[in-house]
């Protein structure tokens, strides 16, 4: 009998922006740019169709943020 897939459950769990931000940055390799709340809010604004329930999940958003983030770090510049 196979038990629950805890990694999958962790990855698919719906999270608030604050929770997602902490998990995203915590598990990110050192050389990758870090996300900020400002950048995540902008991502969510641009891709609202990915947020039907308003929440974030690692399985749906982590890779997309990794790809999007490097080209949008200028949003943090004054």
N, C-alpha and C. Protein backbone atom coordinates (compact mmCIF):
# COMPACT_ATOMS: atom_id res chain seq x y z
N UNK A 1 0.84 -1.18 0.00
CA UNK A 1 0.00 0.00 0.00
C UNK A 1 0.89 1.25 0.00
N UNK A 2 0.57 2.14 -0.86
CA UNK A 2 1.35 3.36 -1.03
C UNK A 2 0.79 4.47 -0.15
N UNK A 3 1.68 5.16 0.56
CA UNK A 3 1.27 6.27 1.41
C UNK A 3 1.11 7.55 0.61
N UNK A 4 0.73 8.61 1.29
CA UNK A 4 0.55 9.90 0.60
C UNK A 4 1.89 10.43 0.09
N UNK A 5 1.86 11.12 -1.01
CA UNK A 5 3.05 11.73 -1.60
C UNK A 5 3.21 13.12 -0.96
N UNK A 6 4.01 13.18 0.08
CA UNK A 6 4.15 14.42 0.84
C UNK A 6 4.81 15.53 0.04
N UNK A 7 5.77 15.18 -0.83
CA UNK A 7 6.40 16.20 -1.67
C UNK A 7 5.38 16.83 -2.62
N UNK A 8 4.56 16.01 -3.19
CA UNK A 8 3.53 16.51 -4.11
C UNK A 8 2.53 17.39 -3.36
N UNK A 9 2.11 16.95 -2.21
CA UNK A 9 1.17 17.74 -1.41
C UNK A 9 1.78 19.09 -1.04
N UNK A 10 3.05 19.09 -0.66
CA UNK A 10 3.75 20.32 -0.32
C UNK A 10 3.81 21.26 -1.53
N UNK A 11 4.10 20.71 -2.68
CA UNK A 11 4.24 21.49 -3.90
C UNK A 11 2.90 22.05 -4.39
N UNK A 12 1.84 21.29 -4.25
CA UNK A 12 0.54 21.70 -4.76
C UNK A 12 -0.28 22.53 -3.77
N UNK A 13 0.15 22.60 -2.53
CA UNK A 13 -0.60 23.33 -1.52
C UNK A 13 -0.73 24.80 -1.91
N UNK A 14 -1.93 25.33 -1.76
CA UNK A 14 -2.21 26.74 -2.05
C UNK A 14 -1.70 27.59 -0.89
N UNK A 15 -1.04 28.70 -1.23
CA UNK A 15 -0.39 29.53 -0.22
C UNK A 15 -0.64 31.00 -0.47
N UNK A 16 -0.49 31.78 0.59
CA UNK A 16 -0.55 33.23 0.46
C UNK A 16 0.73 33.72 -0.21
N UNK A 17 0.74 34.96 -0.63
CA UNK A 17 1.94 35.55 -1.21
C UNK A 17 3.11 35.48 -0.24
N UNK A 18 2.89 35.80 1.02
CA UNK A 18 3.96 35.79 2.03
C UNK A 18 4.53 34.39 2.20
N UNK A 19 3.67 33.38 2.27
CA UNK A 19 4.14 32.00 2.40
C UNK A 19 4.92 31.56 1.17
N UNK A 20 4.38 31.86 0.00
CA UNK A 20 5.05 31.48 -1.24
C UNK A 20 6.41 32.16 -1.35
N UNK A 21 6.47 33.44 -1.05
CA UNK A 21 7.72 34.19 -1.12
C UNK A 21 8.80 33.56 -0.24
N UNK A 22 8.45 33.21 0.97
CA UNK A 22 9.42 32.60 1.89
C UNK A 22 9.90 31.25 1.37
N UNK A 23 8.99 30.42 0.91
CA UNK A 23 9.37 29.10 0.39
C UNK A 23 10.18 29.21 -0.90
N UNK A 24 9.78 30.12 -1.77
CA UNK A 24 10.48 30.30 -3.04
C UNK A 24 11.94 30.69 -2.78
N UNK A 25 12.16 31.72 -1.98
CA UNK A 25 13.51 32.20 -1.73
C UNK A 25 14.34 31.21 -0.90
N UNK A 26 13.69 30.48 -0.02
CA UNK A 26 14.39 29.53 0.85
C UNK A 26 15.02 28.38 0.06
N UNK A 27 14.34 27.91 -0.95
CA UNK A 27 14.81 26.73 -1.68
C UNK A 27 15.52 27.09 -2.99
N UNK A 28 15.80 28.36 -3.18
CA UNK A 28 16.41 28.83 -4.42
C UNK A 28 17.93 28.73 -4.37
N UNK A 29 18.57 28.25 -5.44
CA UNK A 29 20.04 28.25 -5.47
C UNK A 29 20.59 29.67 -5.28
N UNK A 30 21.76 29.78 -4.70
CA UNK A 30 22.36 31.06 -4.34
C UNK A 30 22.47 32.02 -5.53
N UNK A 31 22.81 31.51 -6.70
CA UNK A 31 23.07 32.38 -7.84
C UNK A 31 21.81 32.92 -8.53
N UNK A 32 20.64 32.45 -8.14
CA UNK A 32 19.39 32.93 -8.73
C UNK A 32 18.94 34.21 -8.02
N UNK A 33 18.31 35.13 -8.77
CA UNK A 33 17.79 36.35 -8.12
C UNK A 33 16.63 36.01 -7.20
N UNK A 34 16.56 36.73 -6.11
CA UNK A 34 15.50 36.52 -5.13
C UNK A 34 14.24 37.29 -5.53
N UNK A 35 13.12 36.72 -5.20
CA UNK A 35 11.84 37.39 -5.42
C UNK A 35 11.58 38.34 -4.26
N UNK A 36 10.76 39.32 -4.51
CA UNK A 36 10.28 40.24 -3.48
C UNK A 36 8.76 40.31 -3.58
N UNK A 37 8.13 40.82 -2.57
CA UNK A 37 6.68 40.98 -2.60
C UNK A 37 6.27 41.90 -3.74
N UNK A 38 7.04 42.96 -3.98
CA UNK A 38 6.74 43.90 -5.06
C UNK A 38 6.73 43.18 -6.41
N UNK A 39 7.75 42.37 -6.65
CA UNK A 39 7.82 41.64 -7.91
C UNK A 39 6.71 40.61 -8.05
N UNK A 40 6.39 39.93 -6.97
CA UNK A 40 5.31 38.94 -7.04
C UNK A 40 3.95 39.59 -7.28
N UNK A 41 3.73 40.74 -6.69
CA UNK A 41 2.47 41.47 -6.92
C UNK A 41 2.37 41.86 -8.40
N UNK A 42 3.49 42.31 -8.97
CA UNK A 42 3.49 42.67 -10.40
C UNK A 42 3.26 41.45 -11.27
N UNK A 43 3.89 40.34 -10.95
CA UNK A 43 3.68 39.10 -11.70
C UNK A 43 2.20 38.71 -11.65
N UNK A 44 1.63 38.77 -10.48
CA UNK A 44 0.22 38.39 -10.32
C UNK A 44 -0.70 39.33 -11.10
N UNK A 45 -0.34 40.61 -11.14
CA UNK A 45 -1.14 41.58 -11.91
C UNK A 45 -1.08 41.24 -13.40
N UNK A 46 0.11 40.91 -13.89
CA UNK A 46 0.28 40.64 -15.32
C UNK A 46 -0.31 39.30 -15.73
N UNK A 47 -0.32 38.35 -14.84
CA UNK A 47 -0.78 36.99 -15.17
C UNK A 47 -1.95 36.59 -14.27
N UNK A 48 -2.91 37.44 -14.18
CA UNK A 48 -4.07 37.23 -13.30
C UNK A 48 -4.80 35.92 -13.60
N UNK A 49 -4.74 35.46 -14.85
CA UNK A 49 -5.43 34.23 -15.21
C UNK A 49 -4.87 33.00 -14.50
N UNK A 50 -3.67 33.09 -13.94
CA UNK A 50 -3.08 31.98 -13.19
C UNK A 50 -3.54 31.95 -11.74
N UNK A 51 -4.36 32.91 -11.35
CA UNK A 51 -4.74 33.06 -9.95
C UNK A 51 -6.26 33.09 -9.78
N UNK A 52 -6.91 32.08 -10.27
CA UNK A 52 -8.37 32.00 -10.17
C UNK A 52 -8.83 32.07 -8.71
N UNK A 53 -8.06 31.45 -7.83
CA UNK A 53 -8.42 31.44 -6.41
C UNK A 53 -7.63 32.48 -5.61
N UNK A 54 -6.75 33.23 -6.29
CA UNK A 54 -5.98 34.28 -5.63
C UNK A 54 -4.75 33.79 -4.88
N UNK A 55 -4.49 32.48 -4.92
CA UNK A 55 -3.39 31.92 -4.15
C UNK A 55 -2.25 31.43 -5.05
N UNK A 56 -1.13 31.16 -4.42
CA UNK A 56 0.08 30.71 -5.09
C UNK A 56 0.34 29.25 -4.76
N UNK A 57 1.02 28.54 -5.66
CA UNK A 57 1.49 27.19 -5.35
C UNK A 57 2.86 27.00 -6.01
N UNK A 58 3.71 26.24 -5.35
CA UNK A 58 5.05 26.02 -5.87
C UNK A 58 5.01 25.29 -7.22
N UNK A 59 4.11 24.31 -7.36
CA UNK A 59 4.09 23.54 -8.60
C UNK A 59 3.66 24.38 -9.80
N UNK A 60 2.78 25.32 -9.63
CA UNK A 60 2.29 26.13 -10.74
C UNK A 60 3.17 27.36 -10.99
N UNK A 61 3.64 28.00 -9.95
CA UNK A 61 4.27 29.31 -10.11
C UNK A 61 5.80 29.35 -9.98
N UNK A 62 6.41 28.41 -9.32
CA UNK A 62 7.86 28.52 -9.04
C UNK A 62 8.69 28.65 -10.32
N UNK A 63 8.54 27.73 -11.25
CA UNK A 63 9.32 27.76 -12.49
C UNK A 63 8.99 29.00 -13.31
N UNK A 64 7.73 29.39 -13.34
CA UNK A 64 7.32 30.56 -14.11
C UNK A 64 7.97 31.83 -13.54
N UNK A 65 8.02 31.93 -12.21
CA UNK A 65 8.68 33.08 -11.58
C UNK A 65 10.17 33.05 -11.88
N UNK A 66 10.80 31.88 -11.82
CA UNK A 66 12.23 31.77 -12.13
C UNK A 66 12.53 32.29 -13.54
N UNK A 67 11.68 31.98 -14.48
CA UNK A 67 11.88 32.41 -15.87
C UNK A 67 11.58 33.90 -16.05
N UNK A 68 10.58 34.40 -15.37
CA UNK A 68 10.12 35.78 -15.52
C UNK A 68 11.01 36.77 -14.78
N UNK A 69 11.47 36.41 -13.62
CA UNK A 69 12.15 37.31 -12.70
C UNK A 69 13.38 38.03 -13.27
N UNK A 70 14.33 37.36 -13.90
CA UNK A 70 15.54 38.07 -14.35
C UNK A 70 15.26 39.27 -15.26
N UNK A 71 14.27 39.20 -16.09
CA UNK A 71 13.94 40.30 -16.99
C UNK A 71 13.15 41.41 -16.35
N UNK A 72 12.78 41.25 -15.09
CA UNK A 72 11.91 42.23 -14.44
C UNK A 72 12.49 42.80 -13.16
N UNK A 73 13.74 42.56 -12.89
CA UNK A 73 14.37 43.10 -11.69
C UNK A 73 14.44 44.62 -11.73
N UNK A 74 14.35 45.20 -12.91
CA UNK A 74 14.40 46.66 -13.03
C UNK A 74 13.21 47.32 -12.34
N UNK A 75 12.17 46.55 -12.06
CA UNK A 75 11.02 47.11 -11.34
C UNK A 75 11.40 47.57 -9.94
N UNK A 76 12.51 47.07 -9.43
CA UNK A 76 12.96 47.45 -8.10
C UNK A 76 13.84 48.70 -8.09
N UNK A 77 14.28 49.12 -9.29
CA UNK A 77 15.15 50.29 -9.37
C UNK A 77 14.35 51.57 -9.12
N UNK A 78 14.99 52.57 -8.46
CA UNK A 78 14.28 53.83 -8.19
C UNK A 78 13.99 54.61 -9.44
